[in-house]
C-alpha atoms as a PDB file:
ATOM      1  CA  MET A   1      -0.038   0.198   0.055  1.00  0.00           C
ATOM      2  CA  SER A   2       3.033   2.563   0.459  1.00  0.00           C
ATOM      3  CA  GLU A   3       4.314   2.235  -2.793  1.00  0.00           C
ATOM      4  CA  ASN A   4       1.229   3.734  -4.309  1.00  0.00           C
ATOM      5  CA  ARG A   5       1.177   6.536  -2.133  1.00  0.00           C
ATOM      6  CA  THR A   6       1.732  10.064  -3.879  1.00  0.00           C
ATOM      7  CA  ASN A   7       4.656  11.780  -2.531  1.00  0.00           C
ATOM      8  CA  TRP A   8       3.776  15.186  -1.716  1.00  0.00           C
ATOM      9  CA  THR A   9       7.038  16.915  -1.783  1.00  0.00           C
ATOM     10  CA  VAL A  10       8.445  15.157  -4.386  1.00  0.00           C
ATOM     11  CA  THR A  11       4.773  16.882  -6.341  1.00  0.00           C
ATOM     12  CA  PHE A  12       4.740  19.654  -4.949  1.00  0.00           C
ATOM     13  CA  LEU A  13       7.996  20.915  -6.278  1.00  0.00           C
ATOM     14  CA  ILE A  14       7.302  19.496 -10.277  1.00  0.00           C
ATOM     15  CA  ALA A  15       4.676  22.174  -9.612  1.00  0.00           C
ATOM     16  CA  LEU A  16       6.344  24.801  -8.979  1.00  0.00           C
ATOM     17  CA  GLY A  17       9.073  23.029 -11.397  1.00  0.00           C
ATOM     18  CA  SER A  18       6.610  24.048 -14.064  1.00  0.00           C
ATOM     19  CA  LEU A  19       4.646  27.344 -12.808  1.00  0.00           C
ATOM     20  CA  ILE A  20       8.290  29.080 -12.930  1.00  0.00           C
ATOM     21  CA  VAL A  21       8.208  28.003 -16.713  1.00  0.00           C
ATOM     22  CA  ILE A  22       4.665  28.706 -18.143  1.00  0.00           C
ATOM     23  CA  PHE A  23       4.620  31.929 -15.542  1.00  0.00           C
ATOM     24  CA  PRO A  24       7.326  33.846 -18.122  1.00  0.00           C
ATOM     25  CA  LEU A  25       5.837  32.304 -20.502  1.00  0.00           C
ATOM     26  CA  TYR A  26       1.983  33.296 -19.687  1.00  0.00           C
ATOM     27  CA  MET A  27       3.031  37.143 -19.532  1.00  0.00           C
ATOM     28  CA  THR A  28       5.057  37.469 -22.498  1.00  0.00           C
ATOM     29  CA  ILE A  29       1.904  36.516 -24.375  1.00  0.00           C
ATOM     30  CA  MET A  30      -0.325  38.675 -22.562  1.00  0.00           C
ATOM     31  CA  ILE A  31       1.888  41.198 -23.205  1.00  0.00           C
ATOM     32  CA  ALA A  32       2.162  40.777 -26.634  1.00  0.00           C
ATOM     33  CA  VAL A  33      -1.491  40.571 -27.300  1.00  0.00           C
ATOM     34  CA  LYS A  34      -2.162  43.966 -25.687  1.00  0.00           C
ATOM     35  CA  SER A  35      -1.537  47.758 -26.153  1.00  0.00           C
ATOM     36  CA  PRO A  36       0.175  49.705 -24.409  1.00  0.00           C
ATOM     37  CA  GLN A  37      -3.076  51.187 -22.671  1.00  0.00           C
ATOM     38  CA  GLN A  38      -4.405  47.610 -21.062  1.00  0.00           C
ATOM     39  CA  MET A  39      -0.187  47.291 -20.395  1.00  0.00           C
ATOM     40  CA  ALA A  40      -0.220  49.731 -18.178  1.00  0.00           C
ATOM     41  CA  SER A  41      -3.564  49.445 -16.655  1.00  0.00           C
ATOM     42  CA  SER A  42      -2.396  44.729 -15.932  1.00  0.00           C
ATOM     43  CA  VAL A  43       0.269  42.957 -16.773  1.00  0.00           C
ATOM     44  CA  LEU A  44      -1.644  39.586 -15.734  1.00  0.00           C
ATOM     45  CA  ALA A  45      -4.725  40.219 -16.868  1.00  0.00           C
ATOM     46  CA  TRP A  46      -6.363  38.637 -20.084  1.00  0.00           C
ATOM     47  CA  PRO A  47      -6.721  41.217 -22.293  1.00  0.00           C
ATOM     48  CA  THR A  48     -10.603  43.221 -22.997  1.00  0.00           C
ATOM     49  CA  GLU A  49      -9.159  42.983 -26.856  1.00  0.00           C
ATOM     50  CA  TRP A  50      -6.712  41.049 -28.722  1.00  0.00           C
ATOM     51  CA  HIS A  51      -3.882  42.923 -30.655  1.00  0.00           C
ATOM     52  CA  TRP A  52      -2.976  40.614 -33.299  1.00  0.00           C
ATOM     53  CA  ASN A  53      -1.438  43.041 -35.364  1.00  0.00           C
ATOM     54  CA  ASN A  54       1.247  43.577 -32.918  1.00  0.00           C
ATOM     55  CA  PHE A  55       2.637  40.197 -34.420  1.00  0.00           C
ATOM     56  CA  SER A  56       2.684  42.141 -38.301  1.00  0.00           C
ATOM     57  CA  GLU A  57       3.869  45.195 -36.927  1.00  0.00           C
ATOM     58  CA  ALA A  58       7.180  43.226 -35.254  1.00  0.00           C
ATOM     59  CA  TYR A  59       7.364  41.279 -38.184  1.00  0.00           C
ATOM     60  CA  LYS A  60       7.788  44.595 -40.133  1.00  0.00           C
ATOM     61  CA  MET A  61      10.260  46.134 -38.208  1.00  0.00           C
ATOM     62  CA  THR A  62      12.930  43.238 -37.488  1.00  0.00           C
ATOM     63  CA  ASN A  63      12.902  42.621 -41.561  1.00  0.00           C
ATOM     64  CA  PHE A  64      12.359  39.004 -39.586  1.00  0.00           C
ATOM     65  CA  SER A  65      12.222  36.931 -42.743  1.00  0.00           C
ATOM     66  CA  HIS A  66      15.789  38.235 -43.550  1.00  0.00           C
ATOM     67  CA  ALA A  67      16.972  37.422 -40.054  1.00  0.00           C
ATOM     68  CA  PHE A  68      15.071  33.882 -39.800  1.00  0.00           C
ATOM     69  CA  THR A  69      17.724  33.207 -42.767  1.00  0.00           C
ATOM     70  CA  ASN A  70      20.055  34.283 -41.164  1.00  0.00           C
ATOM     71  CA  SER A  71      19.840  32.179 -38.076  1.00  0.00           C
ATOM     72  CA  ALA A  72      18.450  29.316 -40.219  1.00  0.00           C
ATOM     73  CA  ILE A  73      22.114  29.183 -42.001  1.00  0.00           C
ATOM     74  CA  VAL A  74      23.778  29.713 -39.009  1.00  0.00           C
ATOM     75  CA  THR A  75      22.054  27.015 -37.314  1.00  0.00           C
ATOM     76  CA  VAL A  76      21.512  24.379 -39.940  1.00  0.00           C
ATOM     77  CA  GLY A  77      25.887  25.068 -40.556  1.00  0.00           C
ATOM     78  CA  ALA A  78      26.389  24.464 -36.883  1.00  0.00           C
ATOM     79  CA  VAL A  79      24.686  22.007 -36.198  1.00  0.00           C
ATOM     80  CA  ILE A  80      25.991  19.665 -39.212  1.00  0.00           C
ATOM     81  CA  PHE A  81      29.410  20.461 -39.002  1.00  0.00           C
ATOM     82  CA  THR A  82      28.937  20.311 -35.390  1.00  0.00           C
ATOM     83  CA  LEU A  83      28.164  16.142 -36.224  1.00  0.00           C
ATOM     84  CA  LEU A  84      30.613  15.879 -38.462  1.00  0.00           C
ATOM     85  CA  THR A  85      33.593  17.166 -37.415  1.00  0.00           C
ATOM     86  CA  ASN A  86      33.085  16.458 -32.820  1.00  0.00           C
ATOM     87  CA  SER A  87      32.020  12.893 -33.682  1.00  0.00           C
ATOM     88  CA  LEU A  88      34.871  12.199 -35.795  1.00  0.00           C
ATOM     89  CA  VAL A  89      37.464  13.831 -32.894  1.00  0.00           C
ATOM     90  CA  ALA A  90      35.422  12.093 -30.216  1.00  0.00           C
ATOM     91  CA  TYR A  91      36.644   8.662 -32.323  1.00  0.00           C
ATOM     92  CA  ALA A  92      40.057   8.507 -32.578  1.00  0.00           C
ATOM     93  CA  VAL A  93      40.357  10.041 -28.491  1.00  0.00           C
ATOM     94  CA  SER A  94      37.891   7.130 -27.209  1.00  0.00           C
ATOM     95  CA  ARG A  95      39.749   4.660 -29.174  1.00  0.00           C
ATOM     96  CA  ASN A  96      43.104   5.953 -27.169  1.00  0.00           C
ATOM     97  CA  MET A  97      42.814   6.743 -24.795  1.00  0.00           C
ATOM     98  CA  GLU A  98      45.172   4.392 -23.285  1.00  0.00           C
ATOM     99  CA  LYS A  99      47.908   6.431 -25.517  1.00  0.00           C
ATOM    100  CA  ARG A 100      49.235   9.465 -23.348  1.00  0.00           C
ATOM    101  CA  PHE A 101      49.074  12.170 -26.077  1.00  0.00           C
ATOM    102  CA  PHE A 102      44.753  11.685 -26.957  1.00  0.00           C
ATOM    103  CA  LYS A 103      44.202  11.207 -22.690  1.00  0.00           C
ATOM    104  CA  MET A 104      45.981  14.410 -22.394  1.00  0.00           C
ATOM    105  CA  LEU A 105      43.870  15.610 -25.591  1.00  0.00           C
ATOM    106  CA  TYR A 106      40.501  14.843 -24.189  1.00  0.00           C
ATOM    107  CA  TYR A 107      41.112  16.765 -21.205  1.00  0.00           C
ATOM    108  CA  TYR A 108      42.174  19.450 -22.498  1.00  0.00           C
ATOM    109  CA  PHE A 109      39.282  19.830 -24.471  1.00  0.00           C
ATOM    110  CA  ILE A 110      37.007  19.214 -21.246  1.00  0.00           C
ATOM    111  CA  SER A 111      38.737  21.963 -19.064  1.00  0.00           C
ATOM    112  CA  ALA A 112      37.139  24.409 -21.883  1.00  0.00           C
ATOM    113  CA  LEU A 113      34.251  23.994 -20.188  1.00  0.00           C
ATOM    114  CA  PHE A 114      35.715  25.613 -17.107  1.00  0.00           C
ATOM    115  CA  VAL A 115      37.233  29.011 -18.905  1.00  0.00           C
ATOM    116  CA  PRO A 116      34.507  31.683 -18.733  1.00  0.00           C
ATOM    117  CA  PHE A 117      33.865  33.433 -22.150  1.00  0.00           C
ATOM    118  CA  PRO A 118      34.711  37.407 -20.886  1.00  0.00           C
ATOM    119  CA  ILE A 119      37.967  36.154 -20.996  1.00  0.00           C
ATOM    120  CA  ILE A 120      38.738  34.672 -24.571  1.00  0.00           C
ATOM    121  CA  MET A 121      36.125  37.033 -25.834  1.00  0.00           C
ATOM    122  CA  LEU A 122      38.603  40.182 -27.138  1.00  0.00           C
ATOM    123  CA  PRO A 123      40.879  37.558 -28.250  1.00  0.00           C
ATOM    124  CA  ILE A 124      38.381  35.761 -30.063  1.00  0.00           C
ATOM    125  CA  VAL A 125      36.727  38.986 -32.060  1.00  0.00           C
ATOM    126  CA  LYS A 126      40.497  40.514 -33.282  1.00  0.00           C
ATOM    127  CA  GLU A 127      41.736  36.431 -34.626  1.00  0.00           C
ATOM    128  CA  MET A 128      37.892  36.602 -36.817  1.00  0.00           C
ATOM    129  CA  SER A 129      38.448  40.491 -37.666  1.00  0.00           C
ATOM    130  CA  ASN A 130      42.224  39.484 -39.218  1.00  0.00           C
ATOM    131  CA  LEU A 131      40.876  36.589 -40.921  1.00  0.00           C
ATOM    132  CA  HIS A 132      37.421  37.761 -42.564  1.00  0.00           C
ATOM    133  CA  LEU A 133      35.995  35.442 -40.610  1.00  0.00           C
ATOM    134  CA  ASN A 134      33.862  38.381 -38.758  1.00  0.00           C
ATOM    135  CA  ASN A 135      30.513  36.985 -40.435  1.00  0.00           C
ATOM    136  CA  PRO A 136      27.389  33.386 -40.615  1.00  0.00           C
ATOM    137  CA  TYR A 137      30.767  31.517 -41.892  1.00  0.00           C
ATOM    138  CA  GLY A 138      33.142  32.721 -39.371  1.00  0.00           C
ATOM    139  CA  LEU A 139      30.186  32.277 -36.895  1.00  0.00           C
ATOM    140  CA  ILE A 140      29.352  28.876 -37.227  1.00  0.00           C
ATOM    141  CA  ILE A 141      33.211  28.175 -37.374  1.00  0.00           C
ATOM    142  CA  LEU A 142      32.621  29.081 -33.278  1.00  0.00           C
ATOM    143  CA  TYR A 143      29.967  27.638 -32.557  1.00  0.00           C
ATOM    144  CA  VAL A 144      31.587  23.681 -34.352  1.00  0.00           C
ATOM    145  CA  VAL A 145      34.654  25.055 -31.772  1.00  0.00           C
ATOM    146  CA  TYR A 146      33.552  26.201 -28.804  1.00  0.00           C
ATOM    147  CA  GLY A 147      30.789  23.286 -28.419  1.00  0.00           C
ATOM    148  CA  ILE A 148      33.601  20.334 -28.965  1.00  0.00           C
ATOM    149  CA  SER A 149      33.891  20.775 -25.121  1.00  0.00           C
ATOM    150  CA  PHE A 150      30.646  19.242 -24.367  1.00  0.00           C
ATOM    151  CA  ASN A 151      29.999  17.364 -27.742  1.00  0.00           C
ATOM    152  CA  MET A 152      33.388  15.610 -26.592  1.00  0.00           C
ATOM    153  CA  PHE A 153      32.171  14.239 -23.205  1.00  0.00           C
ATOM    154  CA  LEU A 154      29.441  13.160 -24.692  1.00  0.00           C
ATOM    155  CA  TYR A 155      30.751  10.564 -27.637  1.00  0.00           C
ATOM    156  CA  VAL A 156      33.529   9.758 -25.898  1.00  0.00           C
ATOM    157  CA  GLY A 157      31.044   8.138 -23.191  1.00  0.00           C
ATOM    158  CA  TYR A 158      28.719   6.708 -25.322  1.00  0.00           C
ATOM    159  CA  LEU A 159      31.467   5.725 -27.375  1.00  0.00           C
ATOM    160  CA  LYS A 160      33.101   3.531 -24.518  1.00  0.00           C
ATOM    161  CA  SER A 161      29.659   1.501 -24.544  1.00  0.00           C
ATOM    162  CA  LEU A 162      30.367   0.645 -28.481  1.00  0.00           C
ATOM    163  CA  PRO A 163      31.720  -2.986 -28.889  1.00  0.00           C
ATOM    164  CA  ILE A 164      35.288  -2.714 -29.876  1.00  0.00           C
ATOM    165  CA  GLU A 165      34.340  -6.602 -31.238  1.00  0.00           C
ATOM    166  CA  LEU A 166      32.573  -4.641 -34.254  1.00  0.00           C
ATOM    167  CA  GLU A 167      35.404  -2.005 -35.423  1.00  0.00           C
ATOM    168  CA  GLU A 168      37.723  -5.459 -35.419  1.00  0.00           C
ATOM    169  CA  ALA A 169      35.216  -7.021 -37.779  1.00  0.00           C
ATOM    170  CA  ALA A 170      35.202  -4.302 -39.737  1.00  0.00           C
ATOM    171  CA  VAL A 171      38.805  -4.562 -40.246  1.00  0.00           C
ATOM    172  CA  MET A 172      38.555  -8.139 -40.671  1.00  0.00           C
ATOM    173  CA  ASP A 173      36.833  -7.866 -44.131  1.00  0.00           C
ATOM    174  CA  GLY A 174      39.290  -5.045 -45.626  1.00  0.00           C
ATOM    175  CA  ALA A 175      37.236  -1.695 -44.181  1.00  0.00           C
ATOM    176  CA  SER A 176      39.672   1.240 -43.336  1.00  0.00           C
ATOM    177  CA  VAL A 177      40.147   3.407 -40.305  1.00  0.00           C
ATOM    178  CA  TRP A 178      38.420   5.837 -41.903  1.00  0.00           C
ATOM    179  CA  GLY A 179      35.204   3.374 -43.544  1.00  0.00           C
ATOM    180  CA  THR A 180      34.866   1.739 -40.225  1.00  0.00           C
ATOM    181  CA  PHE A 181      34.111   4.725 -38.460  1.00  0.00           C
ATOM    182  CA  TRP A 182      31.771   6.317 -41.289  1.00  0.00           C
ATOM    183  CA  LYS A 183      30.122   2.586 -42.196  1.00  0.00           C
ATOM    184  CA  VAL A 184      29.924   0.957 -38.886  1.00  0.00           C
ATOM    185  CA  ILE A 185      30.157   3.409 -35.671  1.00  0.00           C
ATOM    186  CA  PHE A 186      28.755   6.994 -37.134  1.00  0.00           C
ATOM    187  CA  PRO A 187      25.211   5.346 -37.802  1.00  0.00           C
ATOM    188  CA  LEU A 188      25.412   3.734 -34.460  1.00  0.00           C
ATOM    189  CA  LEU A 189      25.733   7.286 -32.513  1.00  0.00           C
ATOM    190  CA  SER A 190      22.891   8.165 -33.739  1.00  0.00           C
ATOM    191  CA  PRO A 191      20.898   9.041 -30.466  1.00  0.00           C
ATOM    192  CA  ILE A 192      23.665  11.288 -29.170  1.00  0.00           C
ATOM    193  CA  ASN A 193      23.947  12.683 -32.818  1.00  0.00           C
ATOM    194  CA  SER A 194      20.184  13.375 -32.018  1.00  0.00           C
ATOM    195  CA  THR A 195      21.313  14.824 -28.221  1.00  0.00           C
ATOM    196  CA  VAL A 196      23.686  17.338 -29.541  1.00  0.00           C
ATOM    197  CA  ALA A 197      22.165  18.400 -32.793  1.00  0.00           C
ATOM    198  CA  ILE A 198      19.034  19.369 -31.232  1.00  0.00           C
ATOM    199  CA  LEU A 199      21.382  21.354 -28.335  1.00  0.00           C
ATOM    200  CA  THR A 200      23.792  22.730 -31.045  1.00  0.00           C
ATOM    201  CA  CYS A 201      20.600  23.860 -33.038  1.00  0.00           C
ATOM    202  CA  ILE A 202      18.542  25.511 -29.223  1.00  0.00           C
ATOM    203  CA  TRP A 203      21.939  27.461 -29.079  1.00  0.00           C
ATOM    204  CA  ALA A 204      23.013  28.618 -32.091  1.00  0.00           C
ATOM    205  CA  TRP A 205      19.041  29.706 -32.512  1.00  0.00           C
ATOM    206  CA  ASN A 206      18.988  31.431 -29.178  1.00  0.00           C
ATOM    207  CA  ASP A 207      22.734  32.916 -29.023  1.00  0.00           C
ATOM    208  CA  PHE A 208      22.823  36.452 -28.412  1.00  0.00           C
ATOM    209  CA  LEU A 209      26.685  37.091 -27.293  1.00  0.00           C
ATOM    210  CA  LEU A 210      28.677  35.989 -30.475  1.00  0.00           C
ATOM    211  CA  PRO A 211      26.216  37.214 -33.265  1.00  0.00           C
ATOM    212  CA  LEU A 212      26.728  40.569 -31.178  1.00  0.00           C
ATOM    213  CA  ILE A 213      30.457  40.554 -30.782  1.00  0.00           C
ATOM    214  CA  ILE A 214      31.648  38.611 -34.470  1.00  0.00           C
ATOM    215  CA  LEU A 215      28.519  39.588 -37.113  1.00  0.00           C
ATOM    216  CA  SER A 216      30.248  43.154 -38.795  1.00  0.00           C
ATOM    217  CA  LYS A 217      27.507  44.061 -41.179  1.00  0.00           C
ATOM    218  CA  PRO A 218      23.134  44.685 -39.357  1.00  0.00           C
ATOM    219  CA  SER A 219      22.334  42.963 -42.644  1.00  0.00           C
ATOM    220  CA  MET A 220      23.705  39.744 -41.138  1.00  0.00           C
ATOM    221  CA  ALA A 221      21.734  39.853 -38.067  1.00  0.00           C
ATOM    222  CA  THR A 222      20.250  36.932 -36.133  1.00  0.00           C
ATOM    223  CA  LEU A 223      16.719  36.581 -34.761  1.00  0.00           C
ATOM    224  CA  PRO A 224      17.843  38.028 -31.564  1.00  0.00           C
ATOM    225  CA  LEU A 225      20.293  40.727 -33.037  1.00  0.00           C
ATOM    226  CA  VAL A 226      16.808  42.473 -34.200  1.00  0.00           C
ATOM    227  CA  GLN A 227      15.324  42.495 -31.272  1.00  0.00           C
ATOM    228  CA  TYR A 228      17.768  45.906 -30.873  1.00  0.00           C
ATOM    229  CA  VAL A 229      15.532  47.777 -32.721  1.00  0.00           C
ATOM    230  CA  PHE A 230      12.823  47.967 -30.714  1.00  0.00           C
ATOM    231  CA  GLN A 231      14.703  50.241 -28.091  1.00  0.00           C
ATOM    232  CA  SER A 232      14.646  53.607 -28.343  1.00  0.00           C
ATOM    233  CA  LYS A 233      16.722  56.439 -26.070  1.00  0.00           C
ATOM    234  CA  PHE A 234      14.698  56.471 -23.652  1.00  0.00           C
ATOM    235  CA  SER A 235      11.594  53.736 -24.164  1.00  0.00           C
ATOM    236  CA  VAL A 236      11.084  50.062 -25.047  1.00  0.00           C
ATOM    237  CA  ASN A 237       8.696  49.045 -27.232  1.00  0.00           C
ATOM    238  CA  TYR A 238       7.486  46.314 -25.136  1.00  0.00           C
ATOM    239  CA  ASN A 239       4.603  44.762 -27.315  1.00  0.00           C
ATOM    240  CA  TYR A 240       6.162  44.496 -30.386  1.00  0.00           C
ATOM    241  CA  ALA A 241       9.423  43.338 -28.794  1.00  0.00           C
ATOM    242  CA  PHE A 242       7.117  40.581 -27.583  1.00  0.00           C
ATOM    243  CA  ALA A 243       5.652  39.880 -30.356  1.00  0.00           C
ATOM    244  CA  SER A 244       9.060  39.564 -32.264  1.00  0.00           C
ATOM    245  CA  TYR A 245      10.360  37.331 -28.813  1.00  0.00           C
ATOM    246  CA  LEU A 246       7.428  34.829 -29.077  1.00  0.00           C
ATOM    247  CA  MET A 247       8.098  34.977 -33.094  1.00  0.00           C
ATOM    248  CA  ALA A 248      12.001  33.984 -32.291  1.00  0.00           C
ATOM    249  CA  LEU A 249      10.644  31.042 -30.057  1.00  0.00           C
ATOM    250  CA  LEU A 250       8.032  28.851 -31.445  1.00  0.00           C
ATOM    251  CA  PRO A 251      10.323  27.023 -33.681  1.00  0.00           C
ATOM    252  CA  MET A 252      12.932  26.165 -31.166  1.00  0.00           C
ATOM    253  CA  ILE A 253       9.767  25.485 -28.958  1.00  0.00           C
ATOM    254  CA  PHE A 254       8.465  23.420 -31.605  1.00  0.00           C
ATOM    255  CA  VAL A 255      12.124  21.232 -31.931  1.00  0.00           C
ATOM    256  CA  TYR A 256      12.313  20.622 -28.448  1.00  0.00           C
ATOM    257  CA  VAL A 257       8.946  19.767 -28.001  1.00  0.00           C
ATOM    258  CA  ILE A 258       9.343  16.799 -30.862  1.00  0.00           C
ATOM    259  CA  ALA A 259      12.751  16.199 -29.827  1.00  0.00           C
ATOM    260  CA  GLN A 260      13.141  16.361 -26.238  1.00  0.00           C
ATOM    261  CA  ARG A 261      13.235  12.764 -24.847  1.00  0.00           C
ATOM    262  CA  TRP A 262      16.554  12.439 -27.016  1.00  0.00           C
ATOM    263  CA  ILE A 263      18.029  14.575 -25.856  1.00  0.00           C
ATOM    264  CA  ILE A 264      17.417  12.870 -21.826  1.00  0.00           C
ATOM    265  CA  SER A 265      17.994   9.462 -23.495  1.00  0.00           C
ATOM    266  CA  GLY A 266      21.369  10.811 -25.293  1.00  0.00           C
ATOM    267  CA  VAL A 267      22.698  12.694 -22.082  1.00  0.00           C
ATOM    268  CA  ILE A 268      22.462  10.141 -20.185  1.00  0.00           C
ATOM    269  CA  ARG A 269      23.899   7.176 -22.157  1.00  0.00           C
ATOM    270  CA  GLY A 270      26.409   9.340 -22.851  1.00  0.00           C
ATOM    271  CA  ALA A 271      27.051   9.950 -19.595  1.00  0.00           C
ATOM    272  CA  VAL A 272      27.136   6.220 -17.789  1.00  0.00           C
ATOM    273  CA  LYS A 273      31.087   5.818 -18.629  1.00  0.00           C
ATOM    274  CA  SER A 274      32.896   8.667 -19.308  1.00  0.00           C
END
């Protein structure tokens, strides 16, 4: 009978956590569909009149389609190259961990997780400018490079759970190391690849700081950057701004809702033996 009891402490904490997540979203929606006068009277109250034109005005003010395209190019590029390069590096490290160089390389990548970004921010801006990579292509490279430390942790942990006999059988059949990875190992990385792809997608789509310091032209601006258009010297147009936030947020909400089970399972499987 004790097994069927409700754990009220856990239930309360889950309800509280859900409220903490839902309340800001509710506020965002309420502000986005109100006029300034309605918002001044009450931010939380249900609107007496729905101002859907806030979304169309925000779309025009931000040149939303252009910024959306920029964000999509950067995000898709970052995801593709992260999967192709990070998995390959992690494979080389995990299968040679008994060698001193590769073990040091592994801990070198992991140690990058503890380096605060502001410390390297100015050198990165200077270096990318000197290389003429202060554009979306340079931004993609930075996402791939900065993501490798955490992705290494996930990939190596997952690769350790794959039986080495599969690779030995491929080598016996005449496959090279390169062929073994792409034909045998990479297809088996689907769960962890899904996790890395989703986390990279959400990061690159929502990131504000890297595009702010790297992109040199307003025409290159991604969706987080174009939110500046709603801020004047003395005020902020909150209704249009929050409508724009919602439009920028919806694609990632959709991605996360659809793919959250892969994120959780991939993180667990990648951390089991790392």
